[in-house]
Protein backbone atom coordinates (compact mmCIF):
# COMPACT_ATOMS: atom_id res chain seq x y z
CA UNK A 1 -15.60 28.75 -69.79
CA UNK A 2 -15.86 25.23 -71.19
CA UNK A 3 -13.26 23.87 -68.79
CA UNK A 4 -15.03 25.46 -65.83
CA UNK A 5 -18.32 24.00 -67.03
CA UNK A 6 -16.70 20.57 -67.31
CA UNK A 7 -15.23 20.89 -63.81
CA UNK A 8 -18.61 22.02 -62.53
CA UNK A 9 -20.29 18.99 -64.06
CA UNK A 10 -17.75 16.65 -62.42
CA UNK A 11 -18.38 18.33 -59.06
CA UNK A 12 -22.16 17.99 -59.59
CA UNK A 13 -21.82 14.30 -60.35
CA UNK A 14 -19.71 13.88 -57.22
CA UNK A 15 -22.34 15.64 -55.13
CA UNK A 16 -19.94 18.50 -54.37
CA UNK A 17 -22.52 21.23 -54.86
CA UNK A 18 -20.92 23.78 -52.52
CA UNK A 19 -17.55 23.35 -54.26
CA UNK A 20 -19.33 23.72 -57.60
CA UNK A 21 -20.92 26.98 -56.46
CA UNK A 22 -17.53 28.20 -55.23
CA UNK A 23 -16.05 27.44 -58.63
CA UNK A 24 -18.66 29.61 -60.35
CA UNK A 25 -18.09 32.41 -57.85
CA UNK A 26 -14.45 32.45 -59.00
CA UNK A 27 -15.57 32.44 -62.64
CA UNK A 28 -17.87 35.38 -61.93
CA UNK A 29 -15.12 37.38 -60.22
CA UNK A 30 -12.83 36.76 -63.19
CA UNK A 31 -15.45 37.82 -65.73
CA UNK A 32 -16.36 40.96 -63.81
CA UNK A 33 -12.69 41.89 -63.51
CA UNK A 34 -11.92 41.22 -67.16
CA UNK A 35 -15.13 42.28 -68.89
CA UNK A 36 -16.91 44.56 -66.44
CA UNK A 37 -19.98 44.05 -64.29
CA UNK A 38 -22.52 44.49 -67.09
CA UNK A 39 -21.15 42.02 -69.65
CA UNK A 40 -23.59 39.31 -70.72
CA UNK A 41 -21.19 36.53 -69.75
CA UNK A 42 -21.47 37.61 -66.12
CA UNK A 43 -25.23 37.34 -66.45
CA UNK A 44 -24.83 33.76 -67.66
CA UNK A 45 -22.76 32.92 -64.59
CA UNK A 46 -25.37 34.44 -62.27
CA UNK A 47 -28.01 32.42 -64.13
CA UNK A 48 -26.03 29.19 -63.77
CA UNK A 49 -25.48 29.81 -60.07
CA UNK A 50 -29.21 30.52 -59.63
CA UNK A 51 -30.09 27.22 -61.31
CA UNK A 52 -27.74 25.39 -58.96
CA UNK A 53 -29.22 27.05 -55.89
CA UNK A 54 -32.78 26.37 -57.04
CA UNK A 55 -31.91 22.70 -57.53
CA UNK A 56 -30.66 22.63 -53.93
CA UNK A 57 -33.88 24.20 -52.69
CA UNK A 58 -32.25 27.54 -51.86
CA UNK A 59 -35.08 29.40 -53.57
CA UNK A 60 -34.61 32.83 -52.00
CA UNK A 61 -30.94 32.94 -52.91
CA UNK A 62 -31.70 31.60 -56.37
CA UNK A 63 -34.28 34.31 -56.98
CA UNK A 64 -31.78 37.00 -56.01
CA UNK A 65 -29.24 35.67 -58.50
CA UNK A 66 -31.87 35.37 -61.22
CA UNK A 67 -32.69 39.04 -60.62
CA UNK A 68 -29.01 39.96 -61.04
CA UNK A 69 -28.82 37.87 -64.20
CA UNK A 70 -31.97 39.50 -65.56
CA UNK A 71 -30.70 43.02 -64.96
CA UNK A 72 -27.49 42.25 -66.85
CA UNK A 73 -29.27 40.40 -69.66
CA UNK A 74 -31.73 43.23 -70.28
CA UNK A 75 -28.93 45.80 -70.30
CA UNK A 76 -26.51 43.77 -72.43
CA UNK A 77 -28.86 41.88 -74.74
CA UNK A 78 -32.08 43.86 -74.74
CA UNK A 79 -35.48 43.11 -73.23
CA UNK A 80 -36.63 40.88 -76.09
CA UNK A 81 -33.72 38.42 -76.06
CA UNK A 82 -34.45 34.73 -75.57
CA UNK A 83 -32.08 34.60 -72.57
CA UNK A 84 -34.29 37.19 -70.88
CA UNK A 85 -37.35 35.01 -71.55
CA UNK A 86 -35.60 32.00 -70.04
CA UNK A 87 -34.72 33.94 -66.92
CA UNK A 88 -38.30 35.17 -66.52
CA UNK A 89 -39.48 31.57 -66.85
CA UNK A 90 -37.06 30.27 -64.23
CA UNK A 91 -37.91 33.12 -61.87
CA UNK A 92 -41.56 32.22 -62.30
CA UNK A 93 -40.80 28.63 -61.40
CA UNK A 94 -39.02 29.69 -58.20
CA UNK A 95 -41.94 31.89 -57.24
CA UNK A 96 -44.38 29.08 -58.01
CA UNK A 97 -42.43 26.79 -55.69
CA UNK A 98 -42.57 29.48 -53.02
CA UNK A 99 -46.35 29.70 -53.37
CA UNK A 100 -46.29 33.16 -55.01
CA UNK A 101 -48.64 32.04 -57.77
CA UNK A 102 -49.79 35.45 -59.01
CA UNK A 103 -46.21 36.69 -59.32
CA UNK A 104 -45.20 33.44 -61.00
CA UNK A 105 -47.98 33.75 -63.54
CA UNK A 106 -46.92 37.31 -64.34
CA UNK A 107 -43.35 36.19 -65.03
CA UNK A 108 -44.51 33.26 -67.15
CA UNK A 109 -46.59 35.68 -69.21
CA UNK A 110 -43.60 38.00 -69.61
CA UNK A 111 -41.51 35.07 -70.82
CA UNK A 112 -44.17 34.09 -73.35
CA UNK A 113 -44.42 37.63 -74.68
CA UNK A 114 -40.82 37.56 -75.86
């Protein structure tokens, strides 16, 4: 995963965000094939892809990937894991940016309760 992360960082620095996202889609397919769809490493890839999309302003798509990451994280790591809290926090930020303030606040509170 380190090499893919390094490649992804190079692509980010070059402004090749769509190629970077494509790279992580390949990583995800490989992890799902090798480890199964519910392995925590797949959740990390979904999370990373969601961060990238949110940074590009693709908030709806980002939220969908955060939801996939969250489902995997809760199943693989448990509901009180710090990765789960981080995903709740980022989901709250996306919702805040979309003007869904009540929903955002609820997710921020969930993150803080962990």
